[in-house]
Amino acid sequence: MVAALYSVSAVRIENGERAALLRFDTTTELPDLPELLAAYAADYADQDDVLVDVSAAPAA
């Protein structure tokens, strides 16, 4: 298995642009990702101006 770095961020969007980073987390453990996403969903689901972004990259 290839090691990966998973990142999750919440960004406030204003006028179609990223305006403010609200939260940022990383993990190298894929099983931790659903828990992170659930926490973001609980915190930001009712905020229409927040984008939750998930990305993965090879870990160094």
N, C-alpha and C. Protein backbone atom coordinates (compact mmCIF):
# COMPACT_ATOMS: atom_id res chain seq x y z
N MET A 1 0.85 -1.19 0.00
CA MET A 1 0.00 0.00 0.00
C MET A 1 0.89 1.24 0.00
N VAL A 2 0.53 2.21 -0.80
CA VAL A 2 1.26 3.47 -0.87
C VAL A 2 0.78 4.38 0.25
N ALA A 3 1.71 4.94 0.99
CA ALA A 3 1.36 5.87 2.06
C ALA A 3 0.83 7.16 1.46
N ALA A 4 -0.20 7.70 2.09
CA ALA A 4 -0.81 8.94 1.59
C ALA A 4 -1.05 9.90 2.73
N LEU A 5 -1.10 11.16 2.40
CA LEU A 5 -1.47 12.21 3.34
C LEU A 5 -2.82 12.74 2.89
N TYR A 6 -3.81 12.61 3.75
CA TYR A 6 -5.17 13.08 3.46
C TYR A 6 -5.38 14.39 4.19
N SER A 7 -5.91 15.38 3.50
CA SER A 7 -6.18 16.66 4.15
C SER A 7 -7.63 17.05 3.94
N VAL A 8 -8.17 17.68 4.97
CA VAL A 8 -9.54 18.18 4.94
C VAL A 8 -9.49 19.62 5.41
N SER A 9 -10.14 20.51 4.67
CA SER A 9 -10.16 21.91 5.08
C SER A 9 -11.56 22.49 4.89
N ALA A 10 -11.85 23.49 5.69
CA ALA A 10 -13.10 24.25 5.56
C ALA A 10 -12.71 25.69 5.25
N VAL A 11 -13.29 26.21 4.17
CA VAL A 11 -12.95 27.55 3.69
C VAL A 11 -14.24 28.35 3.50
N ARG A 12 -14.25 29.57 4.01
CA ARG A 12 -15.40 30.46 3.78
C ARG A 12 -15.27 31.05 2.38
N ILE A 13 -16.38 31.05 1.64
CA ILE A 13 -16.43 31.57 0.28
C ILE A 13 -17.19 32.90 0.29
N GLU A 14 -16.58 33.92 -0.29
CA GLU A 14 -17.23 35.23 -0.44
C GLU A 14 -17.03 35.70 -1.87
N ASN A 15 -18.12 36.08 -2.52
CA ASN A 15 -18.08 36.56 -3.91
C ASN A 15 -17.40 35.55 -4.83
N GLY A 16 -17.64 34.27 -4.58
CA GLY A 16 -17.07 33.24 -5.42
C GLY A 16 -15.60 32.94 -5.19
N GLU A 17 -15.00 33.55 -4.20
CA GLU A 17 -13.57 33.38 -3.92
C GLU A 17 -13.37 32.83 -2.52
N ARG A 18 -12.28 32.11 -2.32
CA ARG A 18 -11.92 31.64 -0.98
C ARG A 18 -11.50 32.84 -0.14
N ALA A 19 -12.22 33.07 0.95
CA ALA A 19 -11.97 34.27 1.74
C ALA A 19 -11.22 33.99 3.04
N ALA A 20 -11.49 32.85 3.68
CA ALA A 20 -10.86 32.59 4.97
C ALA A 20 -10.79 31.09 5.22
N LEU A 21 -9.64 30.64 5.68
CA LEU A 21 -9.48 29.25 6.10
C LEU A 21 -10.04 29.13 7.51
N LEU A 22 -11.03 28.27 7.69
CA LEU A 22 -11.67 28.11 8.99
C LEU A 22 -11.08 26.96 9.79
N ARG A 23 -10.65 25.93 9.09
CA ARG A 23 -10.15 24.74 9.78
C ARG A 23 -9.35 23.91 8.79
N PHE A 24 -8.33 23.20 9.30
CA PHE A 24 -7.50 22.35 8.45
C PHE A 24 -7.00 21.18 9.29
N ASP A 25 -7.17 19.98 8.77
CA ASP A 25 -6.70 18.78 9.45
C ASP A 25 -6.05 17.85 8.44
N THR A 26 -5.09 17.04 8.91
CA THR A 26 -4.48 16.03 8.06
C THR A 26 -4.40 14.71 8.81
N THR A 27 -4.32 13.65 8.05
CA THR A 27 -4.09 12.32 8.61
C THR A 27 -3.39 11.47 7.56
N THR A 28 -2.63 10.51 8.01
CA THR A 28 -2.04 9.53 7.11
C THR A 28 -2.78 8.20 7.22
N GLU A 29 -3.79 8.16 8.05
CA GLU A 29 -4.56 6.94 8.28
C GLU A 29 -5.92 7.04 7.59
N LEU A 30 -6.10 6.26 6.52
CA LEU A 30 -7.37 6.29 5.78
C LEU A 30 -8.58 5.99 6.68
N PRO A 31 -8.50 5.06 7.63
CA PRO A 31 -9.66 4.81 8.50
C PRO A 31 -10.08 6.03 9.34
N ASP A 32 -9.19 7.00 9.52
CA ASP A 32 -9.53 8.22 10.28
C ASP A 32 -10.34 9.22 9.45
N LEU A 33 -10.31 9.08 8.13
CA LEU A 33 -10.93 10.06 7.26
C LEU A 33 -12.45 10.17 7.46
N PRO A 34 -13.21 9.09 7.57
CA PRO A 34 -14.66 9.23 7.80
C PRO A 34 -14.99 10.00 9.09
N GLU A 35 -14.20 9.80 10.13
CA GLU A 35 -14.43 10.53 11.38
C GLU A 35 -14.17 12.03 11.20
N LEU A 36 -13.11 12.35 10.48
CA LEU A 36 -12.81 13.76 10.19
C LEU A 36 -13.94 14.39 9.39
N LEU A 37 -14.40 13.70 8.35
CA LEU A 37 -15.47 14.23 7.51
C LEU A 37 -16.76 14.40 8.30
N ALA A 38 -17.05 13.48 9.20
CA ALA A 38 -18.25 13.59 10.03
C ALA A 38 -18.17 14.82 10.94
N ALA A 39 -16.98 15.11 11.47
CA ALA A 39 -16.81 16.29 12.33
C ALA A 39 -17.02 17.57 11.53
N TYR A 40 -16.49 17.62 10.31
CA TYR A 40 -16.69 18.78 9.45
C TYR A 40 -18.16 18.94 9.10
N ALA A 41 -18.82 17.83 8.78
CA ALA A 41 -20.25 17.88 8.45
C ALA A 41 -21.05 18.42 9.62
N ALA A 42 -20.74 17.97 10.82
CA ALA A 42 -21.46 18.44 12.01
C ALA A 42 -21.24 19.94 12.23
N ASP A 43 -20.05 20.42 11.96
CA ASP A 43 -19.72 21.83 12.22
C ASP A 43 -20.17 22.78 11.12
N TYR A 44 -20.21 22.32 9.86
CA TYR A 44 -20.40 23.25 8.74
C TYR A 44 -21.59 22.95 7.84
N ALA A 45 -22.35 21.91 8.10
CA ALA A 45 -23.45 21.50 7.21
C ALA A 45 -24.50 22.59 7.01
N ASP A 46 -24.73 23.42 8.01
CA ASP A 46 -25.76 24.45 7.92
C ASP A 46 -25.22 25.80 7.42
N GLN A 47 -23.97 25.83 6.98
CA GLN A 47 -23.36 27.08 6.52
C GLN A 47 -23.14 27.00 5.00
N ASP A 48 -24.01 27.67 4.25
CA ASP A 48 -23.95 27.62 2.79
C ASP A 48 -22.72 28.29 2.20
N ASP A 49 -22.03 29.10 2.99
CA ASP A 49 -20.87 29.82 2.47
C ASP A 49 -19.55 29.15 2.82
N VAL A 50 -19.61 27.88 3.25
CA VAL A 50 -18.39 27.15 3.61
C VAL A 50 -18.20 25.98 2.66
N LEU A 51 -17.01 25.89 2.10
CA LEU A 51 -16.61 24.79 1.23
C LEU A 51 -15.73 23.85 2.03
N VAL A 52 -16.07 22.57 2.05
CA VAL A 52 -15.21 21.56 2.67
C VAL A 52 -14.49 20.84 1.55
N ASP A 53 -13.17 20.89 1.60
CA ASP A 53 -12.33 20.34 0.54
C ASP A 53 -11.54 19.16 1.10
N VAL A 54 -11.48 18.06 0.34
CA VAL A 54 -10.74 16.87 0.73
C VAL A 54 -9.72 16.58 -0.37
N SER A 55 -8.50 16.31 0.03
CA SER A 55 -7.49 15.96 -0.97
C SER A 55 -6.57 14.89 -0.41
N ALA A 56 -5.89 14.23 -1.32
CA ALA A 56 -4.92 13.20 -0.96
C ALA A 56 -3.67 13.37 -1.81
N ALA A 57 -2.54 13.12 -1.19
CA ALA A 57 -1.26 13.22 -1.89
C ALA A 57 -0.34 12.12 -1.36
N PRO A 58 0.59 11.67 -2.15
CA PRO A 58 1.54 10.67 -1.64
C PRO A 58 2.28 11.23 -0.44
N ALA A 59 2.42 10.42 0.59
CA ALA A 59 3.18 10.84 1.77
C ALA A 59 4.66 10.72 1.47
N ALA A 60 5.42 11.64 2.00
CA ALA A 60 6.86 11.63 1.75
C ALA A 60 7.55 10.56 2.54
